[in-house]
Amino acid sequence: SLSAGGLGNYAVLGVTLAVLVMTKDKQTKTMASSAAFVNFLSGVT
């Protein structure tokens, strides 16, 4: 269950990356980039 259970973190990463690409709001883009980077490195969602 720990292998499948961690996939939600990667799904969050995919959503955040999409928001980073799609959004035109500068503040949202900044938040999305930093959040995606932290998730990519350490899995903090």
All heavy atoms as atom14 arrays in JSON, in Angstrom:
{
  "sequence": "SLSAGGLGNYAVLGVTLAVLVMTKDKQTKTMASSAAFVNFLSGVT",
  "atom14_mask": [
    [1, 1, 1, 1, 1, 1, 0, 0, 0, 0, 0, 0, 0, 0],
    [1, 1, 1, 1, 1, 1, 1, 1, 0, 0, 0, 0, 0, 0],
    [1, 1, 1, 1, 1, 1, 0, 0, 0, 0, 0, 0, 0, 0],
    [1, 1, 1, 1, 1, 0, 0, 0, 0, 0, 0, 0, 0, 0],
    [1, 1, 1, 1, 0, 0, 0, 0, 0, 0, 0, 0, 0, 0],
    [1, 1, 1, 1, 0, 0, 0, 0, 0, 0, 0, 0, 0, 0],
    [1, 1, 1, 1, 1, 1, 1, 1, 0, 0, 0, 0, 0, 0],
    [1, 1, 1, 1, 0, 0, 0, 0, 0, 0, 0, 0, 0, 0],
    [1, 1, 1, 1, 1, 1, 1, 1, 0, 0, 0, 0, 0, 0],
    [1, 1, 1, 1, 1, 1, 1, 1, 1, 1, 1, 1, 0, 0],
    [1, 1, 1, 1, 1, 0, 0, 0, 0, 0, 0, 0, 0, 0],
    [1, 1, 1, 1, 1, 1, 1, 0, 0, 0, 0, 0, 0, 0],
    [1, 1, 1, 1, 1, 1, 1, 1, 0, 0, 0, 0, 0, 0],
    [1, 1, 1, 1, 0, 0, 0, 0, 0, 0, 0, 0, 0, 0],
    [1, 1, 1, 1, 1, 1, 1, 0, 0, 0, 0, 0, 0, 0],
    [1, 1, 1, 1, 1, 1, 1, 0, 0, 0, 0, 0, 0, 0],
    [1, 1, 1, 1, 1, 1, 1, 1, 0, 0, 0, 0, 0, 0],
    [1, 1, 1, 1, 1, 0, 0, 0, 0, 0, 0, 0, 0, 0],
    [1, 1, 1, 1, 1, 1, 1, 0, 0, 0, 0, 0, 0, 0],
    [1, 1, 1, 1, 1, 1, 1, 1, 0, 0, 0, 0, 0, 0],
    [1, 1, 1, 1, 1, 1, 1, 0, 0, 0, 0, 0, 0, 0],
    [1, 1, 1, 1, 1, 1, 1, 1, 0, 0, 0, 0, 0, 0],
    [1, 1, 1, 1, 1, 1, 1, 0, 0, 0, 0, 0, 0, 0],
    [1, 1, 1, 1, 1, 1, 1, 1, 1, 0, 0, 0, 0, 0],
    [1, 1, 1, 1, 1, 1, 1, 1, 0, 0, 0, 0, 0, 0],
    [1, 1, 1, 1, 1, 1, 1, 1, 1, 0, 0, 0, 0, 0],
    [1, 1, 1, 1, 1, 1, 1, 1, 1, 0, 0, 0, 0, 0],
    [1, 1, 1, 1, 1, 1, 1, 0, 0, 0, 0, 0, 0, 0],
    [1, 1, 1, 1, 1, 1, 1, 1, 1, 0, 0, 0, 0, 0],
    [1, 1, 1, 1, 1, 1, 1, 0, 0, 0, 0, 0, 0, 0],
    [1, 1, 1, 1, 1, 1, 1, 1, 0, 0, 0, 0, 0, 0],
    [1, 1, 1, 1, 1, 0, 0, 0, 0, 0, 0, 0, 0, 0],
    [1, 1, 1, 1, 1, 1, 0, 0, 0, 0, 0, 0, 0, 0],
    [1, 1, 1, 1, 1, 1, 0, 0, 0, 0, 0, 0, 0, 0],
    [1, 1, 1, 1, 1, 0, 0, 0, 0, 0, 0, 0, 0, 0],
    [1, 1, 1, 1, 1, 0, 0, 0, 0, 0, 0, 0, 0, 0],
    [1, 1, 1, 1, 1, 1, 1, 1, 1, 1, 1, 0, 0, 0],
    [1, 1, 1, 1, 1, 1, 1, 0, 0, 0, 0, 0, 0, 0],
    [1, 1, 1, 1, 1, 1, 1, 1, 0, 0, 0, 0, 0, 0],
    [1, 1, 1, 1, 1, 1, 1, 1, 1, 1, 1, 0, 0, 0],
    [1, 1, 1, 1, 1, 1, 1, 1, 0, 0, 0, 0, 0, 0],
    [1, 1, 1, 1, 1, 1, 0, 0, 0, 0, 0, 0, 0, 0],
    [1, 1, 1, 1, 0, 0, 0, 0, 0, 0, 0, 0, 0, 0],
    [1, 1, 1, 1, 1, 1, 1, 0, 0, 0, 0, 0, 0, 0],
    [1, 1, 1, 1, 1, 1, 1, 0, 0, 0, 0, 0, 0, 0]
  ],
  "atom14_positions": [
    [[0.81, -1.23, 0.0], [0.0, 0.0, 0.0], [0.84, 1.27, 0.0], [0.39, 2.31, -0.47], [-0.95, 0.0, 1.19], [-0.24, 0.03, 2.42], [0.0, 0.0, 0.0], [0.0, 0.0, 0.0], [0.0, 0.0, 0.0], [0.0, 0.0, 0.0], [0.0, 0.0, 0.0], [0.0, 0.0, 0.0], [0.0, 0.0, 0.0], [0.0, 0.0, 0.0]],
    [[2.07, 1.21, 0.53], [2.92, 2.4, 0.54], [3.36, 2.8, -0.86], [3.6, 3.98, -1.12], [4.16, 2.15, 1.42], [3.95, 2.3, 2.93], [5.13, 1.73, 3.7], [3.72, 3.75, 3.32], [0.0, 0.0, 0.0], [0.0, 0.0, 0.0], [0.0, 0.0, 0.0], [0.0, 0.0, 0.0], [0.0, 0.0, 0.0], [0.0, 0.0, 0.0]],
    [[3.47, 1.84, -1.76], [3.85, 2.2, -3.14], [2.7, 2.91, -3.83], [2.87, 3.99, -4.4], [4.27, 0.96, -3.92], [3.23, 0.01, -3.97], [0.0, 0.0, 0.0], [0.0, 0.0, 0.0], [0.0, 0.0, 0.0], [0.0, 0.0, 0.0], [0.0, 0.0, 0.0], [0.0, 0.0, 0.0], [0.0, 0.0, 0.0], [0.0, 0.0, 0.0]],
    [[1.5, 2.31, -3.78], [0.34, 2.94, -4.42], [-0.08, 4.21, -3.68], [-0.48, 5.2, -4.31], [-0.83, 1.96, -4.47], [0.0, 0.0, 0.0], [0.0, 0.0, 0.0], [0.0, 0.0, 0.0], [0.0, 0.0, 0.0], [0.0, 0.0, 0.0], [0.0, 0.0, 0.0], [0.0, 0.0, 0.0], [0.0, 0.0, 0.0], [0.0, 0.0, 0.0]],
    [[0.06, 4.2, -2.35], [-0.38, 5.35, -1.56], [0.39, 6.62, -1.85], [-0.12, 7.73, -1.67], [0.0, 0.0, 0.0], [0.0, 0.0, 0.0], [0.0, 0.0, 0.0], [0.0, 0.0, 0.0], [0.0, 0.0, 0.0], [0.0, 0.0, 0.0], [0.0, 0.0, 0.0], [0.0, 0.0, 0.0], [0.0, 0.0, 0.0], [0.0, 0.0, 0.0]],
    [[1.62, 6.49, -2.32], [2.43, 7.68, -2.62], [2.13, 8.31, -3.95], [2.63, 9.41, -4.26], [0.0, 0.0, 0.0], [0.0, 0.0, 0.0], [0.0, 0.0, 0.0], [0.0, 0.0, 0.0], [0.0, 0.0, 0.0], [0.0, 0.0, 0.0], [0.0, 0.0, 0.0], [0.0, 0.0, 0.0], [0.0, 0.0, 0.0], [0.0, 0.0, 0.0]],
    [[1.32, 7.65, -4.78], [1.04, 8.17, -6.12], [0.23, 9.47, -6.08], [0.3, 10.27, -7.01], [0.31, 7.12, -6.96], [1.14, 5.87, -7.29], [0.27, 4.84, -8.01], [2.34, 6.25, -8.15], [0.0, 0.0, 0.0], [0.0, 0.0, 0.0], [0.0, 0.0, 0.0], [0.0, 0.0, 0.0], [0.0, 0.0, 0.0], [0.0, 0.0, 0.0]],
    [[-0.51, 9.66, -5.0], [-1.25, 10.92, -4.86], [-0.32, 12.12, -4.87], [-0.66, 13.18, -5.4], [0.0, 0.0, 0.0], [0.0, 0.0, 0.0], [0.0, 0.0, 0.0], [0.0, 0.0, 0.0], [0.0, 0.0, 0.0], [0.0, 0.0, 0.0], [0.0, 0.0, 0.0], [0.0, 0.0, 0.0], [0.0, 0.0, 0.0], [0.0, 0.0, 0.0]],
    [[0.87, 11.96, -4.29], [1.86, 13.04, -4.29], [2.28, 13.4, -5.71], [2.45, 14.57, -6.05], [3.09, 12.63, -3.49], [2.82, 12.55, -2.0], [1.67, 12.56, -1.58], [3.86, 12.45, -1.2], [0.0, 0.0, 0.0], [0.0, 0.0, 0.0], [0.0, 0.0, 0.0], [0.0, 0.0, 0.0], [0.0, 0.0, 0.0], [0.0, 0.0, 0.0]],
    [[2.45, 12.37, -6.54], [2.85, 12.62, -7.92], [1.7, 13.21, -8.73], [1.92, 14.01, -9.66], [3.34, 11.32, -8.56], [4.68, 10.88, -8.01], [4.78, 9.75, -7.2], [5.85, 11.6, -8.28], [6.0, 9.35, -6.68], [7.07, 11.2, -7.76], [7.14, 10.08, -6.96], [8.35, 9.69, -6.45], [0.0, 0.0, 0.0], [0.0, 0.0, 0.0]],
    [[0.47, 12.82, -8.4], [-0.68, 13.43, -9.07], [-0.77, 14.91, -8.74], [-1.07, 15.75, -9.6], [-1.96, 12.71, -8.64], [0.0, 0.0, 0.0], [0.0, 0.0, 0.0], [0.0, 0.0, 0.0], [0.0, 0.0, 0.0], [0.0, 0.0, 0.0], [0.0, 0.0, 0.0], [0.0, 0.0, 0.0], [0.0, 0.0, 0.0], [0.0, 0.0, 0.0]],
    [[-0.49, 15.24, -7.46], [-0.45, 16.66, -7.06], [0.61, 17.4, -7.87], [0.39, 18.54, -8.31], [-0.16, 16.78, -5.55], [0.12, 18.24, -5.17], [-1.32, 16.26, -4.73], [0.0, 0.0, 0.0], [0.0, 0.0, 0.0], [0.0, 0.0, 0.0], [0.0, 0.0, 0.0], [0.0, 0.0, 0.0], [0.0, 0.0, 0.0], [0.0, 0.0, 0.0]],
    [[1.75, 16.76, -8.08], [2.82, 17.37, -8.88], [2.35, 17.64, -10.3], [2.59, 18.72, -10.87], [4.05, 16.46, -8.89], [5.24, 16.91, -9.74], [5.77, 18.26, -9.26], [6.35, 15.86, -9.72], [0.0, 0.0, 0.0], [0.0, 0.0, 0.0], [0.0, 0.0, 0.0], [0.0, 0.0, 0.0], [0.0, 0.0, 0.0], [0.0, 0.0, 0.0]],
    [[1.65, 16.66, -10.9], [1.14, 16.85, -12.26], [0.15, 17.99, -12.36], [0.2, 18.8, -13.3], [0.0, 0.0, 0.0], [0.0, 0.0, 0.0], [0.0, 0.0, 0.0], [0.0, 0.0, 0.0], [0.0, 0.0, 0.0], [0.0, 0.0, 0.0], [0.0, 0.0, 0.0], [0.0, 0.0, 0.0], [0.0, 0.0, 0.0], [0.0, 0.0, 0.0]],
    [[-0.76, 18.08, -11.38], [-1.73, 19.18, -11.36], [-1.01, 20.52, -11.22], [-1.31, 21.49, -11.94], [-2.73, 18.99, -10.21], [-3.62, 20.23, -10.07], [-3.59, 17.76, -10.43], [0.0, 0.0, 0.0], [0.0, 0.0, 0.0], [0.0, 0.0, 0.0], [0.0, 0.0, 0.0], [0.0, 0.0, 0.0], [0.0, 0.0, 0.0], [0.0, 0.0, 0.0]],
    [[-0.06, 20.58, -10.31], [0.65, 21.84, -10.06], [1.44, 22.29, -11.28], [1.48, 23.49, -11.6], [1.6, 21.68, -8.85], [0.88, 21.15, -7.75], [2.19, 23.02, -8.44], [0.0, 0.0, 0.0], [0.0, 0.0, 0.0], [0.0, 0.0, 0.0], [0.0, 0.0, 0.0], [0.0, 0.0, 0.0], [0.0, 0.0, 0.0], [0.0, 0.0, 0.0]],
    [[2.07, 21.34, -11.97], [2.82, 21.68, -13.19], [1.88, 22.22, -14.27], [2.23, 23.16, -15.0], [3.57, 20.45, -13.71], [4.78, 20.0, -12.87], [5.3, 18.66, -13.39], [5.88, 21.05, -12.89], [0.0, 0.0, 0.0], [0.0, 0.0, 0.0], [0.0, 0.0, 0.0], [0.0, 0.0, 0.0], [0.0, 0.0, 0.0], [0.0, 0.0, 0.0]],
    [[0.7, 21.63, -14.37], [-0.28, 22.11, -15.35], [-0.73, 23.52, -15.03], [-0.86, 24.38, -15.93], [-1.48, 21.16, -15.4], [0.0, 0.0, 0.0], [0.0, 0.0, 0.0], [0.0, 0.0, 0.0], [0.0, 0.0, 0.0], [0.0, 0.0, 0.0], [0.0, 0.0, 0.0], [0.0, 0.0, 0.0], [0.0, 0.0, 0.0], [0.0, 0.0, 0.0]],
    [[-0.98, 23.79, -13.76], [-1.35, 25.15, -13.33], [-0.23, 26.12, -13.64], [-0.46, 27.24, -14.11], [-1.69, 25.17, -11.83], [-1.88, 26.61, -11.34], [-2.94, 24.35, -11.55], [0.0, 0.0, 0.0], [0.0, 0.0, 0.0], [0.0, 0.0, 0.0], [0.0, 0.0, 0.0], [0.0, 0.0, 0.0], [0.0, 0.0, 0.0], [0.0, 0.0, 0.0]],
    [[1.0, 25.71, -13.4], [2.17, 26.55, -13.7], [2.22, 26.92, -15.17], [2.51, 28.07, -15.53], [3.46, 25.79, -13.31], [4.79, 26.44, -13.67], [4.95, 27.78, -12.97], [5.95, 25.51, -13.31], [0.0, 0.0, 0.0], [0.0, 0.0, 0.0], [0.0, 0.0, 0.0], [0.0, 0.0, 0.0], [0.0, 0.0, 0.0], [0.0, 0.0, 0.0]],
    [[1.9, 25.96, -16.04], [1.94, 26.2, -17.49], [0.75, 27.03, -17.95], [0.89, 27.94, -18.78], [1.97, 24.85, -18.25], [1.78, 25.07, -19.75], [3.27, 24.12, -17.98], [0.0, 0.0, 0.0], [0.0, 0.0, 0.0], [0.0, 0.0, 0.0], [0.0, 0.0, 0.0], [0.0, 0.0, 0.0], [0.0, 0.0, 0.0], [0.0, 0.0, 0.0]],
    [[-0.42, 26.77, -17.39], [-1.66, 27.38, -17.89], [-1.96, 28.75, -17.33], [-2.54, 29.6, -18.01], [-2.84, 26.45, -17.58], [-2.78, 25.09, -18.26], [-2.95, 25.21, -20.05], [-4.68, 25.71, -20.19], [0.0, 0.0, 0.0], [0.0, 0.0, 0.0], [0.0, 0.0, 0.0], [0.0, 0.0, 0.0], [0.0, 0.0, 0.0], [0.0, 0.0, 0.0]],
    [[-1.58, 29.01, -16.08], [-2.0, 30.25, -15.44], [-1.27, 31.47, -16.01], [-0.11, 31.38, -16.42], [-1.78, 30.19, -13.92], [-2.34, 31.36, -13.32], [-0.29, 30.15, -13.58], [0.0, 0.0, 0.0], [0.0, 0.0, 0.0], [0.0, 0.0, 0.0], [0.0, 0.0, 0.0], [0.0, 0.0, 0.0], [0.0, 0.0, 0.0], [0.0, 0.0, 0.0]],
    [[-1.98, 32.58, -16.02], [-1.38, 33.85, -16.45], [-1.18, 34.8, -15.27], [-0.61, 35.87, -15.43], [-2.28, 34.5, -17.5], [-2.4, 33.68, -18.78], [-3.4, 34.28, -19.75], [-3.53, 33.39, -20.98], [-4.59, 33.9, -21.92], [0.0, 0.0, 0.0], [0.0, 0.0, 0.0], [0.0, 0.0, 0.0], [0.0, 0.0, 0.0], [0.0, 0.0, 0.0]],
    [[-1.66, 34.34, -14.11], [-1.5, 35.15, -12.9], [-0.09, 34.97, -12.35], [0.34, 33.84, -12.07], [-2.54, 34.72, -11.85], [-2.42, 35.54, -10.58], [-2.78, 36.72, -10.6], [-1.97, 34.96, -9.57], [0.0, 0.0, 0.0], [0.0, 0.0, 0.0], [0.0, 0.0, 0.0], [0.0, 0.0, 0.0], [0.0, 0.0, 0.0], [0.0, 0.0, 0.0]],
    [[0.62, 36.07, -12.2], [2.03, 36.01, -11.8], [2.2, 35.4, -10.41], [3.1, 34.58, -10.18], [2.63, 37.42, -11.83], [4.13, 37.45, -11.62], [4.68, 38.86, -11.77], [6.2, 38.87, -11.56], [6.75, 40.25, -11.69], [0.0, 0.0, 0.0], [0.0, 0.0, 0.0], [0.0, 0.0, 0.0], [0.0, 0.0, 0.0], [0.0, 0.0, 0.0]],
    [[1.34, 35.77, -9.46], [1.45, 35.26, -8.1], [1.19, 33.75, -8.06], [1.91, 33.0, -7.38], [0.47, 35.98, -7.17], [0.62, 35.59, -5.71], [-0.32, 36.39, -4.8], [-1.08, 37.22, -5.28], [-0.26, 36.12, -3.52], [0.0, 0.0, 0.0], [0.0, 0.0, 0.0], [0.0, 0.0, 0.0], [0.0, 0.0, 0.0], [0.0, 0.0, 0.0]],
    [[0.17, 33.3, -8.8], [-0.14, 31.88, -8.86], [1.0, 31.1, -9.51], [1.36, 30.0, -9.07], [-1.45, 31.63, -9.64], [-2.51, 32.34, -9.02], [-1.79, 30.15, -9.69], [0.0, 0.0, 0.0], [0.0, 0.0, 0.0], [0.0, 0.0, 0.0], [0.0, 0.0, 0.0], [0.0, 0.0, 0.0], [0.0, 0.0, 0.0], [0.0, 0.0, 0.0]],
    [[1.58, 31.67, -10.55], [2.7, 31.02, -11.25], [3.9, 30.86, -10.31], [4.56, 29.82, -10.29], [3.08, 31.83, -12.49], [4.05, 31.11, -13.44], [4.3, 31.94, -14.67], [3.14, 31.91, -15.63], [2.99, 30.6, -16.3], [0.0, 0.0, 0.0], [0.0, 0.0, 0.0], [0.0, 0.0, 0.0], [0.0, 0.0, 0.0], [0.0, 0.0, 0.0]],
    [[4.17, 31.9, -9.52], [5.29, 31.84, -8.58], [5.05, 30.77, -7.52], [5.94, 29.97, -7.19], [5.49, 33.2, -7.88], [5.77, 34.19, -8.88], [6.64, 33.15, -6.89], [0.0, 0.0, 0.0], [0.0, 0.0, 0.0], [0.0, 0.0, 0.0], [0.0, 0.0, 0.0], [0.0, 0.0, 0.0], [0.0, 0.0, 0.0], [0.0, 0.0, 0.0]],
    [[3.82, 30.74, -6.98], [3.49, 29.75, -5.97], [3.53, 28.35, -6.54], [4.05, 27.41, -5.9], [2.09, 30.05, -5.39], [1.68, 29.09, -4.28], [0.1, 29.53, -3.55], [0.54, 31.03, -2.67], [0.0, 0.0, 0.0], [0.0, 0.0, 0.0], [0.0, 0.0, 0.0], [0.0, 0.0, 0.0], [0.0, 0.0, 0.0], [0.0, 0.0, 0.0]],
    [[3.03, 28.17, -7.76], [3.02, 26.85, -8.39], [4.43, 26.35, -8.65], [4.73, 25.17, -8.45], [2.22, 26.9, -9.69], [0.0, 0.0, 0.0], [0.0, 0.0, 0.0], [0.0, 0.0, 0.0], [0.0, 0.0, 0.0], [0.0, 0.0, 0.0], [0.0, 0.0, 0.0], [0.0, 0.0, 0.0], [0.0, 0.0, 0.0], [0.0, 0.0, 0.0]],
    [[5.31, 27.23, -9.08], [6.68, 26.81, -9.38], [7.41, 26.36, -8.12], [8.1, 25.33, -8.12], [7.46, 27.94, -10.07], [7.55, 29.08, -9.22], [0.0, 0.0, 0.0], [0.0, 0.0, 0.0], [0.0, 0.0, 0.0], [0.0, 0.0, 0.0], [0.0, 0.0, 0.0], [0.0, 0.0, 0.0], [0.0, 0.0, 0.0], [0.0, 0.0, 0.0]],
    [[7.27, 27.13, -7.04], [7.96, 26.77, -5.8], [7.35, 25.5, -5.19], [8.06, 24.63, -4.7], [7.9, 27.92, -4.79], [6.56, 28.22, -4.43], [0.0, 0.0, 0.0], [0.0, 0.0, 0.0], [0.0, 0.0, 0.0], [0.0, 0.0, 0.0], [0.0, 0.0, 0.0], [0.0, 0.0, 0.0], [0.0, 0.0, 0.0], [0.0, 0.0, 0.0]],
    [[6.02, 25.38, -5.25], [5.34, 24.19, -4.7], [5.72, 22.94, -5.48], [5.97, 21.88, -4.89], [3.83, 24.4, -4.72], [0.0, 0.0, 0.0], [0.0, 0.0, 0.0], [0.0, 0.0, 0.0], [0.0, 0.0, 0.0], [0.0, 0.0, 0.0], [0.0, 0.0, 0.0], [0.0, 0.0, 0.0], [0.0, 0.0, 0.0], [0.0, 0.0, 0.0]],
    [[5.77, 23.05, -6.81], [6.14, 21.9, -7.65], [7.59, 21.48, -7.39], [7.9, 20.29, -7.33], [5.96, 22.25, -9.12], [0.0, 0.0, 0.0], [0.0, 0.0, 0.0], [0.0, 0.0, 0.0], [0.0, 0.0, 0.0], [0.0, 0.0, 0.0], [0.0, 0.0, 0.0], [0.0, 0.0, 0.0], [0.0, 0.0, 0.0], [0.0, 0.0, 0.0]],
    [[8.47, 22.46, -7.19], [9.89, 22.16, -6.95], [10.06, 21.41, -5.63], [10.78, 20.4, -5.56], [10.69, 23.46, -6.93], [12.17, 23.26, -6.73], [12.93, 22.66, -7.71], [12.78, 23.65, -5.55], [14.29, 22.45, -7.54], [14.14, 23.46, -5.36], [14.9, 22.86, -6.36], [0.0, 0.0, 0.0], [0.0, 0.0, 0.0], [0.0, 0.0, 0.0]],
    [[9.37, 21.86, -4.58], [9.46, 21.21, -3.27], [8.9, 19.79, -3.35], [9.49, 18.84, -2.81], [8.71, 22.03, -2.2], [8.57, 21.23, -0.91], [9.43, 23.33, -1.93], [0.0, 0.0, 0.0], [0.0, 0.0, 0.0], [0.0, 0.0, 0.0], [0.0, 0.0, 0.0], [0.0, 0.0, 0.0], [0.0, 0.0, 0.0], [0.0, 0.0, 0.0]],
    [[7.78, 19.62, -4.04], [7.17, 18.3, -4.2], [8.09, 17.38, -4.99], [8.29, 16.21, -4.63], [5.83, 18.44, -4.92], [5.01, 17.15, -4.9], [5.48, 16.1, -4.5], [3.78, 17.24, -5.35], [0.0, 0.0, 0.0], [0.0, 0.0, 0.0], [0.0, 0.0, 0.0], [0.0, 0.0, 0.0], [0.0, 0.0, 0.0], [0.0, 0.0, 0.0]],
    [[8.69, 17.89, -6.06], [9.58, 17.09, -6.89], [10.8, 16.59, -6.11], [11.23, 15.45, -6.25], [10.05, 17.93, -8.09], [11.17, 17.3, -8.87], [10.93, 16.2, -9.69], [12.46, 17.79, -8.78], [11.97, 15.6, -10.41], [13.5, 17.2, -9.49], [13.25, 16.09, -10.31], [0.0, 0.0, 0.0], [0.0, 0.0, 0.0], [0.0, 0.0, 0.0]],
    [[11.33, 17.45, -5.25], [12.53, 17.08, -4.49], [12.22, 16.12, -3.35], [12.89, 15.11, -3.17], [13.22, 18.33, -3.94], [14.02, 19.19, -4.9], [14.66, 20.34, -4.15], [15.09, 18.38, -5.62], [0.0, 0.0, 0.0], [0.0, 0.0, 0.0], [0.0, 0.0, 0.0], [0.0, 0.0, 0.0], [0.0, 0.0, 0.0], [0.0, 0.0, 0.0]],
    [[11.2, 16.47, -2.55], [11.02, 15.76, -1.28], [9.63, 15.19, -1.04], [9.37, 14.61, 0.02], [11.37, 16.71, -0.12], [10.53, 17.86, -0.17], [0.0, 0.0, 0.0], [0.0, 0.0, 0.0], [0.0, 0.0, 0.0], [0.0, 0.0, 0.0], [0.0, 0.0, 0.0], [0.0, 0.0, 0.0], [0.0, 0.0, 0.0], [0.0, 0.0, 0.0]],
    [[8.71, 15.36, -1.98], [7.38, 14.79, -1.81], [6.47, 15.55, -0.88], [5.4, 15.06, -0.51], [0.0, 0.0, 0.0], [0.0, 0.0, 0.0], [0.0, 0.0, 0.0], [0.0, 0.0, 0.0], [0.0, 0.0, 0.0], [0.0, 0.0, 0.0], [0.0, 0.0, 0.0], [0.0, 0.0, 0.0], [0.0, 0.0, 0.0], [0.0, 0.0, 0.0]],
    [[6.85, 16.77, -0.48], [6.0, 17.59, 0.4], [4.92, 18.25, -0.45], [5.22, 19.0, -1.39], [6.84, 18.66, 1.12], [5.94, 19.6, 1.91], [7.85, 18.0, 2.05], [0.0, 0.0, 0.0], [0.0, 0.0, 0.0], [0.0, 0.0, 0.0], [0.0, 0.0, 0.0], [0.0, 0.0, 0.0], [0.0, 0.0, 0.0], [0.0, 0.0, 0.0]],
    [[3.66, 17.97, -0.12], [2.54, 18.4, -0.98], [1.71, 19.55, -0.43], [0.9, 20.12, -1.16], [1.59, 17.21, -1.22], [1.14, 16.72, 0.05], [2.29, 16.09, -1.98], [0.0, 0.0, 0.0], [0.0, 0.0, 0.0], [0.0, 0.0, 0.0], [0.0, 0.0, 0.0], [0.0, 0.0, 0.0], [0.0, 0.0, 0.0], [0.0, 0.0, 0.0]]
  ]
}
